[in-house]
Amino acid sequence: MEREVNYVTVSAKIPRRLKELLDKYGIKPGPIIRRALEEEVKKRVLAELEEKAREIFGKLSHISDEEVAFLVREDREKR
């Protein structure tokens, strides 16, 4: 099954000289902008996940290794 991709257009103002250089060197800005935006979003998502992991670790850090092992064994036995 093929996944349908919907696109939207975003725009940015850049200095005229930069646009002239893009044209001179035949650089298509779309793929570069898309890649940069994807990388920035990925970086932010990872930072958010790291923060959530720190919060969870803080809430669970009081549980001893022995208690974790007991809970894992207990869960396995229920299966």
N, C-alpha and C. Protein backbone atom coordinates (compact mmCIF):
# COMPACT_ATOMS: atom_id res chain seq x y z
N MET A 1 0.84 -1.17 0.00
CA MET A 1 0.00 0.00 0.00
C MET A 1 0.89 1.25 0.00
N GLU A 2 0.64 2.15 -0.91
CA GLU A 2 1.43 3.37 -1.00
C GLU A 2 0.89 4.43 -0.06
N ARG A 3 1.78 5.11 0.61
CA ARG A 3 1.39 6.17 1.53
C ARG A 3 1.27 7.48 0.77
N GLU A 4 0.15 8.14 0.92
CA GLU A 4 -0.06 9.41 0.24
C GLU A 4 0.63 10.51 1.03
N VAL A 5 1.38 11.34 0.34
CA VAL A 5 2.09 12.44 0.98
C VAL A 5 1.45 13.75 0.53
N ASN A 6 1.04 14.53 1.51
CA ASN A 6 0.49 15.84 1.22
C ASN A 6 1.59 16.88 1.43
N TYR A 7 1.68 17.83 0.55
CA TYR A 7 2.70 18.86 0.65
C TYR A 7 2.07 20.21 0.90
N VAL A 8 2.79 21.06 1.57
CA VAL A 8 2.43 22.46 1.72
C VAL A 8 3.65 23.27 1.31
N THR A 9 3.44 24.51 0.97
CA THR A 9 4.53 25.37 0.56
C THR A 9 4.90 26.30 1.71
N VAL A 10 6.20 26.38 1.98
CA VAL A 10 6.71 27.37 2.93
C VAL A 10 7.62 28.30 2.15
N SER A 11 7.74 29.50 2.62
CA SER A 11 8.60 30.43 1.90
C SER A 11 9.52 31.14 2.88
N ALA A 12 10.61 31.62 2.35
CA ALA A 12 11.57 32.36 3.16
C ALA A 12 12.17 33.46 2.31
N LYS A 13 12.42 34.58 2.95
CA LYS A 13 13.09 35.67 2.25
C LYS A 13 14.59 35.48 2.44
N ILE A 14 15.31 35.58 1.35
CA ILE A 14 16.76 35.47 1.40
C ILE A 14 17.36 36.68 0.68
N PRO A 15 18.60 37.00 0.99
CA PRO A 15 19.22 38.13 0.30
C PRO A 15 19.30 37.88 -1.21
N ARG A 16 19.11 38.93 -1.97
CA ARG A 16 19.15 38.84 -3.43
C ARG A 16 20.45 38.19 -3.91
N ARG A 17 21.57 38.54 -3.29
CA ARG A 17 22.87 38.00 -3.71
C ARG A 17 22.90 36.48 -3.55
N LEU A 18 22.30 35.98 -2.48
CA LEU A 18 22.25 34.54 -2.27
C LEU A 18 21.43 33.89 -3.38
N LYS A 19 20.31 34.48 -3.73
CA LYS A 19 19.48 33.95 -4.81
C LYS A 19 20.25 33.94 -6.12
N GLU A 20 21.02 34.99 -6.37
CA GLU A 20 21.83 35.05 -7.59
C GLU A 20 22.85 33.92 -7.62
N LEU A 21 23.45 33.65 -6.48
CA LEU A 21 24.44 32.57 -6.40
C LEU A 21 23.79 31.20 -6.56
N LEU A 22 22.61 31.03 -5.99
CA LEU A 22 21.88 29.77 -6.19
C LEU A 22 21.63 29.54 -7.67
N ASP A 23 21.19 30.59 -8.36
CA ASP A 23 20.94 30.49 -9.80
C ASP A 23 22.22 30.21 -10.57
N LYS A 24 23.28 30.94 -10.21
CA LYS A 24 24.56 30.79 -10.91
C LYS A 24 25.06 29.35 -10.84
N TYR A 25 24.93 28.72 -9.68
CA TYR A 25 25.46 27.38 -9.49
C TYR A 25 24.39 26.28 -9.70
N GLY A 26 23.22 26.69 -10.12
CA GLY A 26 22.17 25.72 -10.41
C GLY A 26 21.70 24.95 -9.19
N ILE A 27 21.72 25.62 -8.06
CA ILE A 27 21.32 24.97 -6.80
C ILE A 27 19.81 25.09 -6.64
N LYS A 28 19.16 23.97 -6.45
CA LYS A 28 17.72 23.94 -6.19
C LYS A 28 17.54 24.03 -4.67
N PRO A 29 16.94 25.09 -4.17
CA PRO A 29 16.85 25.25 -2.72
C PRO A 29 15.87 24.28 -2.04
N GLY A 30 14.88 23.78 -2.75
CA GLY A 30 13.86 22.92 -2.13
C GLY A 30 14.42 21.74 -1.36
N PRO A 31 15.23 20.89 -2.01
CA PRO A 31 15.75 19.72 -1.29
C PRO A 31 16.64 20.10 -0.10
N ILE A 32 17.39 21.19 -0.25
CA ILE A 32 18.28 21.62 0.83
C ILE A 32 17.47 22.13 2.01
N ILE A 33 16.46 22.93 1.71
CA ILE A 33 15.59 23.45 2.77
C ILE A 33 14.87 22.31 3.46
N ARG A 34 14.33 21.39 2.70
CA ARG A 34 13.60 20.24 3.25
C ARG A 34 14.50 19.43 4.19
N ARG A 35 15.73 19.15 3.74
CA ARG A 35 16.67 18.38 4.55
C ARG A 35 17.02 19.13 5.85
N ALA A 36 17.25 20.43 5.74
CA ALA A 36 17.59 21.22 6.92
C ALA A 36 16.44 21.24 7.92
N LEU A 37 15.22 21.40 7.41
CA LEU A 37 14.06 21.40 8.29
C LEU A 37 13.85 20.03 8.94
N GLU A 38 14.03 18.97 8.18
CA GLU A 38 13.90 17.62 8.73
C GLU A 38 14.93 17.38 9.83
N GLU A 39 16.16 17.82 9.61
CA GLU A 39 17.21 17.64 10.61
C GLU A 39 16.90 18.44 11.87
N GLU A 40 16.40 19.66 11.71
CA GLU A 40 16.08 20.48 12.88
C GLU A 40 14.93 19.87 13.67
N VAL A 41 13.91 19.38 12.99
CA VAL A 41 12.78 18.74 13.67
C VAL A 41 13.27 17.49 14.40
N LYS A 42 14.10 16.70 13.74
CA LYS A 42 14.64 15.48 14.37
C LYS A 42 15.41 15.84 15.64
N LYS A 43 16.21 16.89 15.58
CA LYS A 43 16.99 17.33 16.73
C LYS A 43 16.07 17.73 17.88
N ARG A 44 15.00 18.45 17.56
CA ARG A 44 14.06 18.90 18.60
C ARG A 44 13.29 17.72 19.20
N VAL A 45 12.88 16.77 18.35
CA VAL A 45 12.16 15.59 18.84
C VAL A 45 13.06 14.79 19.78
N LEU A 46 14.31 14.61 19.40
CA LEU A 46 15.25 13.87 20.25
C LEU A 46 15.47 14.59 21.58
N ALA A 47 15.58 15.91 21.54
CA ALA A 47 15.76 16.68 22.78
C ALA A 47 14.55 16.52 23.68
N GLU A 48 13.36 16.54 23.10
CA GLU A 48 12.13 16.36 23.86
C GLU A 48 12.08 14.96 24.48
N LEU A 49 12.46 13.94 23.71
CA LEU A 49 12.47 12.57 24.23
C LEU A 49 13.49 12.41 25.35
N GLU A 50 14.65 13.04 25.19
CA GLU A 50 15.67 12.97 26.24
C GLU A 50 15.15 13.60 27.53
N GLU A 51 14.46 14.71 27.42
CA GLU A 51 13.91 15.37 28.60
C GLU A 51 12.86 14.48 29.27
N LYS A 52 12.00 13.87 28.48
CA LYS A 52 10.98 12.97 29.05
C LYS A 52 11.64 11.76 29.71
N ALA A 53 12.71 11.24 29.09
CA ALA A 53 13.42 10.10 29.68
C ALA A 53 14.04 10.49 31.01
N ARG A 54 14.60 11.71 31.09
CA ARG A 54 15.17 12.18 32.37
C ARG A 54 14.08 12.26 33.44
N GLU A 55 12.90 12.77 33.06
CA GLU A 55 11.79 12.87 34.01
C GLU A 55 11.39 11.49 34.51
N ILE A 56 11.27 10.54 33.59
CA ILE A 56 10.88 9.18 33.97
C ILE A 56 11.94 8.55 34.86
N PHE A 57 13.21 8.74 34.49
CA PHE A 57 14.30 8.18 35.29
C PHE A 57 14.25 8.75 36.70
N GLY A 58 13.99 10.06 36.80
CA GLY A 58 13.90 10.67 38.13
C GLY A 58 12.79 10.07 38.96
N LYS A 59 11.67 9.77 38.33
CA LYS A 59 10.53 9.19 39.06
C LYS A 59 10.78 7.74 39.43
N LEU A 60 11.60 7.03 38.64
CA LEU A 60 11.82 5.60 38.88
C LEU A 60 13.13 5.29 39.59
N SER A 61 13.97 6.29 39.79
CA SER A 61 15.30 6.04 40.33
C SER A 61 15.28 5.46 41.75
N HIS A 62 14.19 5.62 42.46
CA HIS A 62 14.11 5.10 43.83
C HIS A 62 13.85 3.59 43.87
N ILE A 63 13.52 2.99 42.72
CA ILE A 63 13.24 1.55 42.69
C ILE A 63 14.57 0.80 42.60
N SER A 64 14.75 -0.16 43.49
CA SER A 64 16.01 -0.91 43.55
C SER A 64 16.10 -1.90 42.38
N ASP A 65 17.34 -2.32 42.08
CA ASP A 65 17.56 -3.32 41.04
C ASP A 65 16.85 -4.63 41.39
N GLU A 66 16.85 -4.97 42.67
CA GLU A 66 16.21 -6.21 43.10
C GLU A 66 14.70 -6.15 42.83
N GLU A 67 14.10 -5.00 43.09
CA GLU A 67 12.66 -4.87 42.86
C GLU A 67 12.34 -4.95 41.37
N VAL A 68 13.20 -4.35 40.54
CA VAL A 68 13.01 -4.43 39.09
C VAL A 68 13.10 -5.89 38.64
N ALA A 69 14.11 -6.61 39.12
CA ALA A 69 14.27 -8.02 38.76
C ALA A 69 13.05 -8.82 39.19
N PHE A 70 12.55 -8.55 40.39
CA PHE A 70 11.36 -9.26 40.88
C PHE A 70 10.16 -8.98 39.98
N LEU A 71 9.96 -7.72 39.59
CA LEU A 71 8.82 -7.37 38.75
C LEU A 71 8.93 -8.00 37.36
N VAL A 72 10.16 -8.06 36.82
CA VAL A 72 10.35 -8.69 35.51
C VAL A 72 10.03 -10.19 35.60
N ARG A 73 10.55 -10.85 36.64
CA ARG A 73 10.27 -12.29 36.82
C ARG A 73 8.77 -12.53 36.98
N GLU A 74 8.14 -11.70 37.79
CA GLU A 74 6.71 -11.84 38.03
C GLU A 74 5.92 -11.68 36.72
N ASP A 75 6.31 -10.72 35.91
CA ASP A 75 5.63 -10.50 34.62
C ASP A 75 5.83 -11.68 33.69
N ARG A 76 7.05 -12.22 33.65
CA ARG A 76 7.34 -13.37 32.78
C ARG A 76 6.51 -14.59 33.20
N GLU A 77 6.36 -14.79 34.49
CA GLU A 77 5.62 -15.94 34.99
C GLU A 77 4.14 -15.86 34.65
N LYS A 78 3.62 -14.65 34.51
CA LYS A 78 2.21 -14.47 34.17
C LYS A 78 1.91 -14.82 32.72
N ARG A 79 2.93 -14.82 31.89
CA ARG A 79 2.72 -15.09 30.44
C ARG A 79 2.59 -16.53 30.16
